[in-house]
Amino acid sequence: MSFDRLIKKIYETQNPTVAGLDPKLDYVPASIKNACFEKYGKTLEGAAAALLEFNKALIDSLCDIVPAVKPQAAYYEMYGWQGVKALSDTISYAKEKGMFVITDGKRNDIGTTMEAYAAAHLGSTEVAGELIDAFGADALTVNGYLGSDGIKPLEKICAERDKGIFVLVKTSNPSSGELQDLRLENGARVYEQMGRMCESWGGSLMGEYGYSAVGAVVGATYPEQLGEMREKAPHTFFLVPGYGAQGGGAEDAKFAFDGNGLGAVINSSRGIMCAWKKQGLTEEDFAAAARTEALRMKEDILSTIGEIKL
């Protein structure tokens, strides 16, 4: 299954982290922006070109030490179709460099509409009898709060195309508890029930290392719930946001892992992309600073979970 490939990369790099590629134009060095604006003008095309060059430099700097990247679709969609093309090109470039790619799209619908989302981001689109990959990511974040109708259309493509999904369970944002912490009639919290559903949905999609192709998003900003869900969803691989800029640390994130240091991948976006600011460097050093921060983050997490074993 898809997450077997991610787990192998995590083991090989001894690094259970993912670099979030959520670029704002303000993050991009002036030299890159100026070159792109000179070529394309101060247009959406120029902005998208700058994002892509920024991403490529980050990927080049990280691809041998970080197993995965996670581009957030909204940061590309805000630049129109030109930005969406930059997203597609970013995914292709990261995969060329051997990285596992998680598209953070939080897609949510049912039936044929969800099938269309699945084909777009994880599968192929038929064009006059030819099957063509549109975006071709390895995994996609999805919102499961429409129930099984929104997840079942993804199961077939996960099985046939070796893909994975991460379902929102207990998110890292401050207001997540307004809904996710409510108790149901059976006594379970909403997030707990969603975790149980992930276990059920993934039952027929189990991988070599005991985790299914149906993962869960569980935030490091709620370490108690993170540990609870690790225990209650033993076959569900976690994508863990909230480390770094949102306030979560390695001592919080450690609850996501099993006894072998497997079971989760921890995300950092701004912490890596904007590391040059924290390190007191110039923006021209952004790629080197990102690498230094990625290595620091790796050691920080490994110091709490130990060596990763298969």
Foldseek 3Di string as FASTA:
>chain_A
DLVVLVLVLCQVLVFQAAEELLDDLVLFDPVLLVVLCVVVNPALLSSLSSSLVLLLLQLVLPLVRHQAYEYEVVSQCVSPPSSVVSQLVSQVSNVVSVHAYEYEDQAWDFDPVLLVVLCQDDRFDDDPNDTHHNRHHQEYEYECVVDPRNVVSNLVSCVVRVHAYAYEQAAQDPCSCVQQQDADPVGDGNSLVVLVVLLVSQVVAADDVQAGRYAYEHELNPLVVLLVSCVSNVRHAYEYECDDPNDGFLVSCLSQADLQRGRYHYYDYCCLSVQCVVVVHDSVCSSVSSSVSSVVRSVRNCVRRPGHDD
